[in-house]
Amino acid sequence: MPKRLIHQQSIIRGEEFGVLCWNTQKLTQTAAFQMELARLLQQYPSLFLLLQEAKLNVNSNTHFPSWSYAIAPNMQTKRSVFGVLTASQAAFTDVQPRLTRKREGMIATFKSHMLSYHPLEGDQSLLMVNVHAINFVSANYFLREMELLKFELLDHNGPLIVAGDFNVWSRQRRHYLQAFCDSVGLRQAYMNDPQHIKTYRQHPLDFIFYRDLWLKEATAIDTSTVSDHNPIYARFAL
């Protein structure tokens, strides 16, 4: 699990913070992505980046020099690693990468997700869950993966954000996702400009869910020249 954890500060209660979530289609190292990310962060200041289909050079930290980050890989070559990447300007106290139990049908790879814990003032922590849900399998396998994640989250006593590309392109998958959220006590951050959210078969794929936080703003951002998904953004207060 490649990681670079350089920050030590806790998240201060009462302060607002932004979360930018984006399936980057393995374009993380391209100049177009880096330029667009810099532009987005000026307009949408973020304490957290939750990237899916991120690609990093195994031997280089040049693309996120001012961020602490960890990546939960689902593929790796000699030069590059691919997976979900969580980056933050706040401290990490624990990082737990996960792989799906089953491989996807078409390309025979696993999907990954990651749990990361970030200290708050006092004894609690904020749990961030960066998800790229399994695709190209039956809805029952999707349900099993969400059930496994549910049991991990039920023990967390504190604020919680679960976000990413959930691949809920059918009514049944969307029903299973809603049941998962209900069981964990998650609320959906409904986006302004929802027409910019990536859809398949008229079903949105990307979501931000939260618990024990105040949602201040949520929007989907049109950056369709970079990836086949648009980023989604939410701003919260503790």
Protein backbone atom coordinates (compact mmCIF):
# COMPACT_ATOMS: atom_id res chain seq x y z
CA MET A 1 0.00 0.00 0.00
CA PRO A 2 1.91 3.09 -1.20
CA LYS A 3 1.46 5.97 1.23
CA ARG A 4 3.01 9.26 2.28
CA LEU A 5 1.70 10.60 5.59
CA ILE A 6 3.29 13.96 6.39
CA HIS A 7 0.58 15.91 8.26
CA GLN A 8 0.00 15.85 12.01
CA GLN A 9 -2.82 18.33 12.65
CA SER A 10 -6.25 17.26 13.86
CA ILE A 11 -9.52 18.46 12.36
CA ILE A 12 -10.85 21.31 14.47
CA ARG A 13 -14.47 21.17 15.57
CA GLY A 14 -16.54 24.06 14.25
CA GLU A 15 -14.43 24.52 11.13
CA GLU A 16 -15.76 23.69 7.68
CA PHE A 17 -13.92 21.38 5.29
CA GLY A 18 -14.34 20.29 1.69
CA VAL A 19 -14.33 16.81 0.14
CA LEU A 20 -13.66 16.37 -3.58
CA CYS A 21 -14.56 12.93 -4.97
CA TRP A 22 -13.59 11.92 -8.51
CA ASN A 23 -13.17 8.81 -10.65
CA THR A 24 -10.10 9.92 -12.60
CA GLN A 25 -10.06 7.18 -15.26
CA LYS A 26 -6.35 6.48 -14.62
CA LEU A 27 -5.43 10.00 -15.81
CA THR A 28 -4.00 11.17 -12.48
CA GLN A 29 -0.48 11.72 -13.81
CA THR A 30 -1.45 13.61 -16.95
CA ALA A 31 -0.84 17.33 -17.30
CA ALA A 32 -4.51 17.90 -18.15
CA PHE A 33 -5.63 16.29 -14.90
CA GLN A 34 -3.08 18.13 -12.77
CA MET A 35 -4.07 21.48 -14.28
CA GLU A 36 -7.77 20.81 -13.81
CA LEU A 37 -7.29 19.62 -10.23
CA ALA A 38 -5.36 22.79 -9.38
CA ARG A 39 -8.16 24.89 -10.88
CA LEU A 40 -10.84 22.96 -9.01
CA LEU A 41 -9.07 23.31 -5.67
CA GLN A 42 -8.92 27.08 -6.08
CA GLN A 43 -12.68 27.19 -6.59
CA TYR A 44 -13.56 24.33 -4.22
CA PRO A 45 -11.04 24.28 -1.34
CA SER A 46 -10.76 20.71 -0.06
CA LEU A 47 -9.31 19.06 2.99
CA PHE A 48 -9.84 15.64 1.40
CA LEU A 49 -9.43 14.18 -2.07
CA LEU A 50 -11.14 10.84 -2.70
CA LEU A 51 -10.00 9.51 -6.07
CA GLN A 52 -11.04 6.32 -7.79
CA GLU A 53 -9.09 4.76 -10.67
CA ALA A 54 -6.05 6.73 -9.55
CA LYS A 55 -2.67 5.96 -11.11
CA LEU A 56 0.63 6.68 -9.38
CA ASN A 57 4.24 6.11 -10.31
CA VAL A 58 5.68 3.60 -7.83
CA ASN A 59 8.92 5.56 -7.45
CA SER A 60 7.67 9.17 -7.48
CA ASN A 61 5.78 11.51 -5.13
CA THR A 62 5.73 14.45 -7.52
CA HIS A 63 2.00 14.55 -8.27
CA PHE A 64 0.71 15.15 -4.71
CA PRO A 65 3.70 16.89 -3.07
CA SER A 66 1.76 18.86 -0.44
CA TRP A 67 -0.69 16.10 0.51
CA SER A 68 -0.66 13.17 2.83
CA TYR A 69 -2.08 10.21 0.95
CA ALA A 70 -2.51 6.46 0.78
CA ILE A 71 -3.65 4.27 -2.08
CA ALA A 72 -5.44 0.93 -1.86
CA PRO A 73 -4.28 -0.87 -5.02
CA ASN A 74 -6.32 -3.21 -7.14
CA MET A 75 -3.70 -3.42 -9.93
CA GLN A 76 0.05 -2.91 -10.06
CA THR A 77 2.80 -3.00 -12.67
CA LYS A 78 6.54 -2.49 -12.30
CA ARG A 79 6.11 1.26 -12.80
CA SER A 80 2.59 2.11 -11.68
CA VAL A 81 -0.01 1.32 -9.07
CA PHE A 82 -3.76 1.75 -9.58
CA GLY A 83 -6.61 1.96 -7.10
CA VAL A 84 -8.52 4.29 -4.78
CA LEU A 85 -6.47 7.14 -3.37
CA THR A 86 -7.36 9.19 -0.30
CA ALA A 87 -5.38 12.40 0.19
CA SER A 88 -5.70 14.96 2.96
CA GLN A 89 -4.14 18.03 4.55
CA ALA A 90 -5.05 16.51 7.94
CA ALA A 91 -3.38 13.69 9.84
CA PHE A 92 -4.06 10.00 9.26
CA THR A 93 -4.15 7.81 12.37
CA ASP A 94 -4.91 4.55 10.53
CA VAL A 95 -5.31 3.36 6.94
CA GLN A 96 -7.01 0.08 6.05
CA PRO A 97 -7.04 -1.01 2.38
CA ARG A 98 -9.54 -3.61 1.26
CA LEU A 99 -10.06 -5.76 -1.82
CA THR A 100 -13.33 -7.27 -2.95
CA ARG A 101 -13.72 -10.97 -2.29
CA LYS A 102 -14.60 -11.63 -5.92
CA ARG A 103 -12.98 -10.62 -9.19
CA GLU A 104 -14.93 -8.71 -11.78
CA GLY A 105 -16.30 -10.75 -14.64
CA MET A 106 -14.99 -9.01 -17.75
CA ILE A 107 -11.44 -8.06 -16.78
CA ALA A 108 -10.81 -10.49 -13.89
CA THR A 109 -9.51 -7.85 -11.47
CA PHE A 110 -10.58 -7.05 -7.94
CA LYS A 111 -11.95 -3.67 -6.88
CA SER A 112 -10.55 -1.86 -3.87
CA HIS A 113 -11.82 0.49 -1.21
CA MET A 114 -10.12 2.14 1.73
CA LEU A 115 -10.96 3.15 5.28
CA SER A 116 -8.91 6.00 6.71
CA TYR A 117 -9.16 7.54 10.17
CA HIS A 118 -8.44 11.20 10.89
CA PRO A 119 -8.18 12.61 14.43
CA LEU A 120 -10.61 15.15 15.83
CA GLU A 121 -10.13 17.28 18.90
CA GLY A 122 -10.85 14.94 21.80
CA ASP A 123 -10.97 11.17 21.48
CA GLN A 124 -13.06 10.74 18.34
CA SER A 125 -11.97 10.37 14.74
CA LEU A 126 -13.50 11.04 11.35
CA LEU A 127 -13.74 7.87 9.27
CA MET A 128 -13.44 8.36 5.51
CA VAL A 129 -14.39 5.47 3.23
CA ASN A 130 -13.28 5.74 -0.39
CA VAL A 131 -15.21 3.23 -2.51
CA HIS A 132 -14.95 1.92 -6.04
CA ALA A 133 -17.65 -0.73 -5.97
CA ILE A 134 -17.42 -4.02 -7.80
CA ASN A 135 -18.82 -4.09 -11.34
CA PHE A 136 -19.54 -6.75 -14.01
CA VAL A 137 -20.90 -9.23 -11.46
CA SER A 138 -24.41 -10.08 -10.35
CA ALA A 139 -26.21 -7.78 -7.92
CA ASN A 140 -25.93 -10.46 -5.23
CA TYR A 141 -22.13 -10.15 -5.24
CA PHE A 142 -22.50 -6.38 -4.99
CA LEU A 143 -24.78 -6.92 -1.99
CA ARG A 144 -22.24 -9.19 -0.29
CA GLU A 145 -19.51 -6.57 -0.60
CA MET A 146 -21.75 -3.86 0.84
CA GLU A 147 -22.71 -6.16 3.72
CA LEU A 148 -19.03 -6.72 4.55
CA LEU A 149 -18.43 -2.98 4.56
CA LYS A 150 -21.51 -2.39 6.71
CA PHE A 151 -20.23 -4.61 9.50
CA GLU A 152 -16.92 -2.73 9.53
CA LEU A 153 -18.66 0.63 9.87
CA LEU A 154 -21.17 -0.28 12.56
CA ASP A 155 -18.42 -0.23 15.21
CA HIS A 156 -17.34 3.34 14.41
CA ASN A 157 -18.52 5.89 16.95
CA GLY A 158 -18.11 9.25 15.31
CA PRO A 159 -18.49 11.22 12.09
CA LEU A 160 -18.43 9.20 8.90
CA ILE A 161 -18.18 9.90 5.16
CA VAL A 162 -18.61 7.18 2.54
CA ALA A 163 -18.05 8.33 -1.04
CA GLY A 164 -16.99 7.16 -4.46
CA ASP A 165 -18.13 5.38 -7.60
CA PHE A 166 -20.70 2.80 -6.50
CA ASN A 167 -21.55 1.38 -9.95
CA VAL A 168 -25.27 1.28 -9.11
CA TRP A 169 -26.50 1.10 -12.69
CA SER A 170 -29.65 -0.91 -11.93
CA ARG A 171 -32.64 -0.54 -9.63
CA GLN A 172 -31.60 -3.59 -7.65
CA ARG A 173 -28.08 -2.27 -7.01
CA ARG A 174 -29.50 1.12 -6.05
CA HIS A 175 -31.90 -0.61 -3.64
CA TYR A 176 -29.00 -2.48 -2.02
CA LEU A 177 -27.02 0.75 -1.70
CA GLN A 178 -29.96 2.50 -0.04
CA ALA A 179 -30.39 -0.41 2.40
CA PHE A 180 -26.67 -0.17 3.25
CA CYS A 181 -26.98 3.57 3.96
CA ASP A 182 -30.08 3.05 6.11
CA SER A 183 -28.34 0.36 8.15
CA VAL A 184 -25.33 2.58 8.92
CA GLY A 185 -27.30 5.82 9.40
CA LEU A 186 -25.92 7.60 6.34
CA ARG A 187 -27.54 10.53 4.58
CA GLN A 188 -26.98 11.39 0.93
CA ALA A 189 -25.41 14.70 -0.06
CA TYR A 190 -27.74 15.80 -2.87
CA MET A 191 -25.85 17.71 -5.53
CA ASN A 192 -26.56 21.00 -7.17
CA ASP A 193 -26.29 20.53 -10.94
CA PRO A 194 -26.97 16.78 -10.68
CA GLN A 195 -27.02 16.56 -14.48
CA HIS A 196 -23.21 16.61 -14.34
CA ILE A 197 -23.02 13.34 -12.35
CA LYS A 198 -21.87 10.35 -14.38
CA THR A 199 -24.80 8.06 -15.22
CA TYR A 200 -25.28 4.67 -16.83
CA ARG A 201 -28.73 3.50 -17.90
CA GLN A 202 -29.98 6.76 -16.39
CA HIS A 203 -28.67 5.80 -12.94
CA PRO A 204 -26.11 8.11 -11.24
CA LEU A 205 -22.94 6.27 -10.23
CA ASP A 206 -21.09 8.71 -7.94
CA PHE A 207 -22.24 9.62 -4.43
CA ILE A 208 -21.19 11.23 -1.16
CA PHE A 209 -22.90 9.96 1.99
CA TYR A 210 -22.34 11.26 5.51
CA ARG A 211 -23.25 10.89 9.20
CA ASP A 212 -22.88 13.17 12.24
CA LEU A 213 -21.86 16.15 10.12
CA TRP A 214 -23.58 19.32 8.86
CA LEU A 215 -23.76 19.54 5.08
CA LYS A 216 -23.14 23.10 3.90
CA GLU A 217 -22.88 22.66 0.15
CA ALA A 218 -22.82 19.89 -2.47
CA THR A 219 -22.36 20.19 -6.19
CA ALA A 220 -21.40 18.21 -9.28
CA ILE A 221 -18.82 19.93 -11.46
CA ASP A 222 -18.60 19.77 -15.24
CA THR A 223 -15.02 18.81 -16.19
CA SER A 224 -15.89 16.37 -18.96
CA THR A 225 -12.75 17.14 -20.97
CA VAL A 226 -10.56 15.25 -18.44
CA SER A 227 -12.31 12.03 -17.37
CA ASP A 228 -15.45 10.09 -18.27
CA HIS A 229 -16.68 10.98 -14.74
CA ASN A 230 -17.15 14.47 -13.34
CA PRO A 231 -15.98 15.31 -9.82
CA ILE A 232 -18.52 15.80 -7.04
CA TYR A 233 -17.89 18.10 -4.11
CA ALA A 234 -19.32 18.57 -0.63
CA ARG A 235 -18.50 20.99 2.17
CA PHE A 236 -19.17 19.94 5.77
CA ALA A 237 -18.90 21.30 9.29
CA LEU A 238 -18.27 19.27 12.42
